[in-house]
Amino acid sequence: MTRVPISGAGVIAPGAIGFEAFRALLAAGTTAAAPVDRFDTAGMRAHDAALVRDFKPRDFINPMKMRRMNMPSRLALSAAKLAMEDAGSDPGRNTGVAMGTAFGPVQTSVDYMQEYVAKGAALAPPQLFAESVANAPGSHIAIESDLRGFNVTITQRESSALAAAMHASAQLVKGAVDAALVGGVEEVSEMMFSVLDGIGALSGQGARPFDRTRDGMTVGEGSAVLVLQPGAAKAYAYFSGFGMARDTTASISDWGNDHGAVVTAMRAALEDAELSVSDIDAVYASANGTIRGDLVEARAIEALFADRIPHVVATKGIFGEYAAGGALQLLAAVIALDAQVVHRSVGFGHGDFRFEPTREQQSARLRHVLVNSVSAGGGIVCAVLSKEAA
């Protein structure tokens, strides 16, 4: 695959508003999760989430326009504006938008249906209906900057953002657009939280990726957007390969046990990048603290790398799962390549596999980083990020 440069990044994350603040959050190596104060969690097993708390949409969006947007749209549009500003140039009209989201605007859908039931179809606010679809954030990004390229939104749970990046990169390589904005967005709502808690997906003690005492994920929110622009004056890193596969043993709401499918996706990404296993210097893992999810990915890493396992980094203990549909994990890997560091795997304490994820941030010579996204339901997307253009 022709390498695709990442020339800008914008982020609205738990504990970090802006790219440099997100760098600092990763470097601090502490979790952004805290007790939920947005809704009542009494009677639930989990009580913590990684929420965006200091975000002021008016700093980024005209107040009159902002009134027509729900929170996911505000998060995504703000992150996109920061990304284009960071890139330092106008990508032009022939720019595509590809966003990922695990669940979309759940709260807006709830609000609309409550109005619909209470007032009837004729009086239910049409503005809420327009914002109840998953592609509303990506649409606002394109409308605000008059971007006329493709506009897609992918919903594949944990793999949403990587799948969006895969689509956008392919279109860029084909010459369908001159540039692309890619990323993800997520909002933590009471319904989403309570359903995940009800099916036992959330941790009662905080996410502990790859730890033998892990008991579930910590849910998170936010948005991260990357600018992909061939010929740009700068590049933090390059997309150099992608791979996809499906674990057919997975149920609709849990992970499966076919680690071979994960190996298949990782190998496909390496082949697409024209690299070998020995070229990978770090793995930014999908691990989120779930029992089956971490297990199937760990077994795949052990099988692919055998006795030469590189640095393994699990970042979701910092900003939670679903945060930006996996885009924050991707951005962390971009920062790793740019800064030549591997980050601390927050939450890990006790080994359960033949490898241990990183315990502290440290300098590292990184040429290529493998980013994994293994979804509940069986979807798997992997990407290779590279430091150099060739």
Protein backbone atom coordinates (compact mmCIF):
# COMPACT_ATOMS: atom_id res chain seq x y z
CA MET A 1 0.00 0.00 0.00
CA THR A 2 1.18 3.52 -0.76
CA ARG A 3 1.88 5.18 2.58
CA VAL A 4 -0.62 7.86 3.58
CA PRO A 5 0.66 10.76 5.72
CA ILE A 6 -1.07 11.95 8.88
CA SER A 7 -0.50 15.70 8.81
CA GLY A 8 -2.78 16.97 11.57
CA ALA A 9 -4.59 15.84 14.68
CA GLY A 10 -7.34 17.26 16.87
CA VAL A 11 -8.78 15.75 20.01
CA ILE A 12 -11.42 16.32 22.66
CA ALA A 13 -10.75 13.60 25.21
CA PRO A 14 -11.41 12.75 28.84
CA GLY A 15 -8.84 14.80 30.72
CA ALA A 16 -7.47 16.52 27.61
CA ILE A 17 -8.78 19.25 25.31
CA GLY A 18 -6.38 19.59 22.38
CA PHE A 19 -3.50 17.61 20.92
CA GLU A 20 -0.79 18.80 23.31
CA ALA A 21 -3.01 18.19 26.33
CA PHE A 22 -3.61 14.64 25.07
CA ARG A 23 0.14 14.11 24.75
CA ALA A 24 0.47 15.22 28.36
CA LEU A 25 -2.34 12.89 29.47
CA LEU A 26 -0.57 9.92 27.91
CA ALA A 27 2.78 10.95 29.39
CA ALA A 28 1.27 11.30 32.87
CA GLY A 29 0.22 7.66 32.74
CA THR A 30 -2.87 8.03 34.92
CA THR A 31 -6.48 7.19 34.23
CA ALA A 32 -9.02 9.84 33.24
CA ALA A 33 -11.84 7.73 34.70
CA ALA A 34 -13.74 9.06 37.70
CA PRO A 35 -17.09 8.50 39.42
CA VAL A 36 -20.02 9.30 37.11
CA ASP A 37 -21.91 12.46 38.07
CA ARG A 38 -23.96 12.81 34.85
CA PHE A 39 -26.57 10.27 35.92
CA ASP A 40 -27.32 7.99 38.86
CA THR A 41 -25.40 4.70 38.94
CA ALA A 42 -26.98 3.44 42.16
CA GLY A 43 -27.70 -0.27 41.93
CA MET A 44 -25.19 -0.80 39.14
CA ARG A 45 -21.96 -2.76 39.36
CA ALA A 46 -19.86 -0.03 37.73
CA HIS A 47 -19.73 3.58 38.88
CA ASP A 48 -16.78 5.09 36.96
CA ALA A 49 -16.41 6.34 33.39
CA ALA A 50 -13.92 8.44 31.43
CA LEU A 51 -16.01 11.54 30.71
CA VAL A 52 -15.13 14.78 28.93
CA ARG A 53 -15.63 17.36 31.68
CA ASP A 54 -13.94 20.64 30.67
CA PHE A 55 -15.17 20.93 27.09
CA LYS A 56 -16.66 24.29 26.07
CA PRO A 57 -18.21 23.92 22.61
CA ARG A 58 -18.54 27.70 22.25
CA ASP A 59 -14.75 27.89 22.05
CA PHE A 60 -14.96 26.08 18.71
CA ILE A 61 -18.48 26.46 17.27
CA ASN A 62 -20.69 29.45 16.51
CA PRO A 63 -23.44 29.48 19.20
CA MET A 64 -26.25 29.69 16.62
CA LYS A 65 -24.92 26.64 14.78
CA MET A 66 -24.21 24.85 18.02
CA ARG A 67 -27.89 24.96 18.98
CA ARG A 68 -28.66 22.54 16.15
CA MET A 69 -26.07 19.99 17.28
CA ASN A 70 -26.09 17.27 19.89
CA MET A 71 -23.02 16.46 21.97
CA PRO A 72 -21.43 13.92 19.56
CA SER A 73 -21.66 16.46 16.73
CA ARG A 74 -20.12 19.15 18.92
CA LEU A 75 -17.29 16.85 19.97
CA ALA A 76 -16.50 15.71 16.45
CA LEU A 77 -16.73 19.13 14.79
CA SER A 78 -14.49 20.66 17.46
CA ALA A 79 -11.91 17.90 17.06
CA ALA A 80 -12.02 18.31 13.27
CA LYS A 81 -11.44 22.07 13.52
CA LEU A 82 -8.46 21.47 15.80
CA ALA A 83 -7.09 18.87 13.39
CA MET A 84 -7.29 21.18 10.37
CA GLU A 85 -5.73 23.99 12.37
CA ASP A 86 -2.92 21.66 13.43
CA ALA A 87 -2.34 20.57 9.82
CA GLY A 88 -1.68 24.21 8.97
CA SER A 89 -3.38 24.24 5.57
CA ASP A 90 -6.84 24.15 4.05
CA PRO A 91 -7.37 20.62 2.67
CA GLY A 92 -9.70 22.00 -0.02
CA ARG A 93 -13.16 21.00 -1.18
CA ASN A 94 -12.11 17.64 -2.60
CA THR A 95 -11.74 16.23 0.91
CA GLY A 96 -13.51 13.19 2.28
CA VAL A 97 -14.78 12.52 5.78
CA ALA A 98 -14.78 9.08 7.41
CA MET A 99 -15.89 8.77 11.03
CA GLY A 100 -16.36 5.81 13.32
CA THR A 101 -18.67 5.41 16.29
CA ALA A 102 -19.57 2.38 18.36
CA PHE A 103 -23.12 3.35 19.31
CA GLY A 104 -23.84 6.75 17.79
CA PRO A 105 -26.12 9.39 19.38
CA VAL A 106 -27.98 7.13 21.78
CA GLN A 107 -29.07 9.95 24.09
CA THR A 108 -30.50 11.98 21.21
CA SER A 109 -32.53 8.97 20.08
CA VAL A 110 -33.86 8.55 23.61
CA ASP A 111 -34.76 12.25 23.81
CA TYR A 112 -36.54 12.15 20.45
CA MET A 113 -38.58 9.05 21.28
CA GLN A 114 -39.65 10.58 24.60
CA GLU A 115 -40.88 13.67 22.75
CA TYR A 116 -42.54 11.50 20.09
CA VAL A 117 -44.44 9.46 22.69
CA ALA A 118 -45.41 12.51 24.73
CA LYS A 119 -46.40 14.86 21.88
CA GLY A 120 -46.92 12.76 18.78
CA ALA A 121 -45.14 12.79 15.45
CA ALA A 122 -46.34 16.25 14.41
CA LEU A 123 -44.90 17.98 17.49
CA ALA A 124 -41.74 15.95 18.09
CA PRO A 125 -38.73 18.25 17.39
CA PRO A 126 -37.39 17.56 13.87
CA GLN A 127 -34.01 18.87 14.99
CA LEU A 128 -33.68 15.95 17.40
CA PHE A 129 -34.60 13.48 14.67
CA ALA A 130 -31.93 14.88 12.33
CA GLU A 131 -29.31 14.47 15.06
CA SER A 132 -30.40 10.94 16.00
CA VAL A 133 -28.49 9.29 13.15
CA ALA A 134 -24.91 8.06 13.49
CA ASN A 135 -23.62 10.08 10.54
CA ALA A 136 -24.71 13.47 11.91
CA PRO A 137 -21.22 14.35 13.29
CA GLY A 138 -19.50 13.58 9.99
CA SER A 139 -22.11 15.57 8.10
CA HIS A 140 -21.55 18.63 10.29
CA ILE A 141 -17.81 18.40 9.66
CA ALA A 142 -18.35 18.45 5.90
CA ILE A 143 -21.00 21.19 5.98
CA GLU A 144 -18.94 23.49 8.20
CA SER A 145 -15.85 23.36 5.95
CA ASP A 146 -17.63 22.77 2.61
CA LEU A 147 -15.94 19.42 2.05
CA ARG A 148 -17.30 17.74 -1.10
CA GLY A 149 -15.57 14.33 -1.03
CA PHE A 150 -16.99 11.07 0.31
CA ASN A 151 -18.77 11.17 3.67
CA VAL A 152 -19.11 7.87 5.50
CA THR A 153 -19.71 6.77 9.06
CA ILE A 154 -18.82 3.25 10.16
CA THR A 155 -20.31 1.56 13.21
CA GLN A 156 -18.35 -1.53 14.14
CA ARG A 157 -17.98 -1.26 17.89
CA GLU A 158 -14.33 -1.06 18.98
CA SER A 159 -13.09 -1.26 15.37
CA SER A 160 -15.09 1.68 14.03
CA ALA A 161 -12.32 4.28 13.79
CA LEU A 162 -9.75 1.93 12.26
CA ALA A 163 -12.30 0.76 9.70
CA ALA A 164 -12.99 4.41 8.84
CA ALA A 165 -9.27 5.07 8.46
CA MET A 166 -8.95 2.02 6.20
CA HIS A 167 -11.73 3.27 3.93
CA ALA A 168 -10.31 6.79 3.73
CA SER A 169 -6.76 5.61 3.05
CA ALA A 170 -7.93 3.38 0.21
CA GLN A 171 -9.79 6.28 -1.40
CA LEU A 172 -6.74 8.52 -1.10
CA VAL A 173 -4.47 5.93 -2.67
CA LYS A 174 -6.95 5.56 -5.56
CA GLY A 175 -6.97 9.33 -6.05
CA ALA A 176 -10.68 9.71 -5.34
CA VAL A 177 -9.99 12.68 -3.06
CA ASP A 178 -7.09 15.02 -2.33
CA ALA A 179 -7.32 14.71 1.46
CA ALA A 180 -9.46 13.13 4.16
CA LEU A 181 -10.53 13.70 7.74
CA VAL A 182 -10.80 10.45 9.68
CA GLY A 183 -11.56 9.67 13.29
CA GLY A 184 -14.21 8.68 15.76
CA VAL A 185 -16.67 10.03 18.27
CA GLU A 186 -18.56 8.67 21.25
CA GLU A 187 -20.80 9.95 24.03
CA VAL A 188 -21.47 8.17 27.30
CA SER A 189 -25.20 8.14 27.97
CA GLU A 190 -27.20 6.67 30.82
CA MET A 191 -28.81 4.09 28.55
CA MET A 192 -25.50 2.95 27.05
CA PHE A 193 -23.89 2.73 30.48
CA SER A 194 -26.78 0.85 32.08
CA VAL A 195 -27.03 -1.69 29.23
CA LEU A 196 -23.30 -2.39 29.25
CA ASP A 197 -23.41 -2.70 33.02
CA GLY A 198 -26.41 -4.99 32.78
CA ILE A 199 -24.68 -7.46 30.46
CA GLY A 200 -21.59 -7.50 32.67
CA ALA A 201 -19.27 -5.67 30.27
CA LEU A 202 -18.19 -2.95 32.71
CA SER A 203 -15.62 -3.29 35.46
CA GLY A 204 -16.48 -2.71 39.07
CA GLN A 205 -12.85 -1.94 39.91
CA GLY A 206 -11.54 -0.02 36.88
CA ALA A 207 -10.20 -1.40 33.60
CA ARG A 208 -7.11 -3.60 33.95
CA PRO A 209 -5.98 -4.52 30.42
CA PHE A 210 -4.13 -7.85 30.18
CA ASP A 211 -4.17 -8.21 33.98
CA ARG A 212 -5.13 -11.57 35.44
CA THR A 213 -7.64 -9.86 37.78
CA ARG A 214 -9.41 -8.01 34.93
CA ASP A 215 -13.20 -8.02 35.10
CA GLY A 216 -14.43 -5.65 32.42
CA MET A 217 -13.96 -2.34 30.65
CA THR A 218 -14.31 1.27 31.72
CA VAL A 219 -16.44 3.14 29.21
CA GLY A 220 -15.25 6.46 27.80
CA GLU A 221 -16.18 9.25 25.40
CA GLY A 222 -14.66 11.98 23.25
CA SER A 223 -13.53 12.56 19.69
CA ALA A 224 -10.27 12.42 17.77
CA VAL A 225 -9.81 13.41 14.12
CA LEU A 226 -6.76 13.00 11.89
CA VAL A 227 -5.98 14.84 8.66
CA LEU A 228 -4.68 12.60 5.88
CA GLN A 229 -3.12 14.66 3.12
CA PRO A 230 -0.58 13.38 0.58
CA GLY A 231 2.07 15.98 -0.16
CA ALA A 232 1.62 17.77 3.16
CA ALA A 233 4.59 19.70 4.53
CA LYS A 234 4.68 17.62 7.72
CA ALA A 235 3.65 14.17 8.84
CA TYR A 236 3.44 12.74 12.34
CA ALA A 237 3.32 9.21 10.92
CA TYR A 238 2.03 7.25 7.92
CA PHE A 239 -0.63 4.61 7.42
CA SER A 240 1.22 1.86 5.59
CA GLY A 241 -1.08 -1.16 5.80
CA PHE A 242 -4.45 -2.51 6.90
CA GLY A 243 -5.94 -5.93 7.53
CA MET A 244 -9.42 -7.22 8.38
CA ALA A 245 -10.85 -10.51 9.58
CA ARG A 246 -13.81 -11.91 11.51
CA ASP A 247 -13.95 -14.19 14.51
CA THR A 248 -17.00 -16.33 13.77
CA THR A 249 -16.96 -17.79 17.30
CA ALA A 250 -17.93 -14.42 18.81
CA SER A 251 -21.44 -13.71 20.04
CA ILE A 252 -23.21 -10.45 19.25
CA SER A 253 -22.20 -8.92 22.60
CA ASP A 254 -18.94 -10.65 23.50
CA TRP A 255 -15.60 -11.72 22.09
CA GLY A 256 -14.91 -15.16 20.69
CA ASN A 257 -11.98 -17.54 21.12
CA ASP A 258 -10.54 -17.76 17.60
CA HIS A 259 -7.19 -16.04 18.07
CA GLY A 260 -6.26 -17.28 14.59
CA ALA A 261 -8.66 -14.74 13.10
CA VAL A 262 -6.82 -11.96 14.92
CA VAL A 263 -3.52 -13.34 13.61
CA THR A 264 -5.00 -13.31 10.10
CA ALA A 265 -5.88 -9.61 10.37
CA MET A 266 -2.47 -8.71 11.79
CA ARG A 267 -0.67 -10.64 9.05
CA ALA A 268 -2.84 -9.03 6.38
CA ALA A 269 -1.87 -5.57 7.68
CA LEU A 270 1.81 -6.52 7.59
CA GLU A 271 1.51 -7.89 4.06
CA ASP A 272 -0.31 -4.77 2.91
CA ALA A 273 2.55 -2.71 4.35
CA GLU A 274 5.12 -5.04 2.76
CA LEU A 275 6.69 -5.69 6.16
CA SER A 276 7.61 -8.75 8.18
CA VAL A 277 6.85 -9.57 11.81
CA SER A 278 10.37 -8.53 12.82
CA ASP A 279 9.76 -4.99 11.50
CA ILE A 280 7.15 -4.24 14.17
CA ASP A 281 8.60 -2.38 17.16
CA ALA A 282 5.42 -2.01 19.22
CA VAL A 283 1.81 -3.15 19.35
CA TYR A 284 -0.83 -0.70 20.48
CA ALA A 285 -3.32 -3.26 21.68
CA SER A 286 -7.10 -3.35 21.63
CA ALA A 287 -7.08 -4.71 25.20
CA ASN A 288 -9.68 -3.04 27.41
CA GLY A 289 -9.82 -5.25 30.50
CA THR A 290 -12.52 -7.65 29.35
CA ILE A 291 -11.86 -11.30 30.13
CA ARG A 292 -12.45 -12.80 26.68
CA GLY A 293 -11.38 -9.79 24.60
CA ASP A 294 -7.96 -9.51 26.21
CA LEU A 295 -7.48 -13.27 26.09
CA VAL A 296 -8.12 -13.69 22.36
CA GLU A 297 -5.84 -10.76 21.49
CA ALA A 298 -3.07 -11.90 23.83
CA ARG A 299 -3.07 -15.40 22.35
CA ALA A 300 -2.85 -13.86 18.85
CA ILE A 301 0.11 -11.65 19.83
CA GLU A 302 1.88 -14.67 21.32
CA ALA A 303 1.22 -16.73 18.18
CA LEU A 304 2.29 -14.05 15.69
CA PHE A 305 5.45 -12.87 17.44
CA ALA A 306 6.46 -16.17 19.13
CA ASP A 307 9.54 -15.53 21.30
CA ARG A 308 10.23 -12.01 19.99
CA ILE A 309 7.25 -10.04 21.25
CA PRO A 310 7.79 -6.27 20.89
CA HIS A 311 6.55 -3.59 23.27
CA VAL A 312 2.85 -4.13 23.94
CA VAL A 313 0.94 -1.00 25.00
CA ALA A 314 -2.64 -0.99 26.32
CA THR A 315 -3.93 2.59 26.53
CA LYS A 316 -7.62 2.08 27.26
CA GLY A 317 -7.03 2.12 30.99
CA ILE A 318 -6.36 5.85 30.47
CA PHE A 319 -9.38 7.01 28.46
CA GLY A 320 -11.73 4.02 28.44
CA GLU A 321 -13.32 1.89 25.75
CA TYR A 322 -15.43 3.30 22.91
CA ALA A 323 -13.77 6.68 23.58
CA ALA A 324 -13.95 8.18 20.11
CA GLY A 325 -14.75 4.77 18.68
CA GLY A 326 -11.12 3.66 19.11
CA ALA A 327 -9.67 6.84 17.58
CA LEU A 328 -7.93 7.85 20.81
CA GLN A 329 -6.03 4.54 20.79
CA LEU A 330 -5.01 5.23 17.19
CA LEU A 331 -3.91 8.76 18.05
CA ALA A 332 -1.83 7.42 20.95
CA ALA A 333 0.07 5.21 18.48
CA VAL A 334 0.62 8.18 16.16
CA ILE A 335 2.08 10.14 19.08
CA ALA A 336 4.30 7.19 19.99
CA LEU A 337 5.88 7.20 16.54
CA ASP A 338 6.22 10.96 16.45
CA ALA A 339 7.79 11.21 19.93
CA GLN A 340 9.64 7.86 19.79
CA VAL A 341 8.18 6.66 23.07
CA VAL A 342 5.94 3.84 24.23
CA HIS A 343 3.32 4.80 26.79
CA ARG A 344 2.43 3.26 30.10
CA SER A 345 -0.30 0.61 30.16
CA VAL A 346 -2.48 2.00 32.93
CA GLY A 347 -4.27 -0.57 35.11
CA PHE A 348 -1.88 -3.46 34.56
CA GLY A 349 -0.40 -5.08 37.65
CA HIS A 350 -0.29 -8.87 37.51
CA GLY A 351 0.80 -10.88 34.49
CA ASP A 352 -1.47 -13.43 32.84
CA PHE A 353 0.37 -14.13 29.57
CA ARG A 354 3.86 -14.77 28.17
CA PHE A 355 4.32 -11.04 27.75
CA GLU A 356 3.65 -8.04 29.96
CA PRO A 357 2.41 -4.72 28.63
CA THR A 358 4.49 -1.65 29.34
CA ARG A 359 4.59 -0.57 32.97
CA GLU A 360 6.09 2.90 32.40
CA GLN A 361 6.51 5.34 29.55
CA GLN A 362 9.94 4.93 27.99
CA SER A 363 11.93 6.02 24.98
CA ALA A 364 11.99 3.50 22.15
CA ARG A 365 13.23 3.32 18.58
CA LEU A 366 10.00 2.92 16.65
CA ARG A 367 9.93 2.35 12.90
CA HIS A 368 6.57 0.60 12.61
CA VAL A 369 3.71 0.18 15.08
CA LEU A 370 0.87 -2.32 14.77
CA VAL A 371 -2.52 -1.07 16.01
CA ASN A 372 -5.14 -3.71 16.82
CA SER A 373 -8.88 -3.33 17.17
CA VAL A 374 -10.73 -6.49 18.15
CA SER A 375 -14.47 -5.99 18.52
CA ALA A 376 -17.15 -7.69 20.52
CA GLY A 377 -19.22 -9.40 17.85
CA GLY A 378 -16.14 -10.63 16.00
CA GLY A 379 -15.00 -7.71 13.85
CA ILE A 380 -11.23 -7.25 13.64
CA VAL A 381 -9.32 -4.40 12.00
CA CYS A 382 -5.56 -3.92 12.27
CA ALA A 383 -3.36 -1.11 10.94
CA VAL A 384 0.36 -0.54 10.55
CA LEU A 385 1.67 2.95 11.22
CA SER A 386 5.15 3.86 10.02
CA LYS A 387 7.58 6.61 10.96
CA GLU A 388 8.90 7.25 7.44
CA ALA A 389 7.28 7.78 4.05
CA ALA A 390 9.14 4.84 2.52
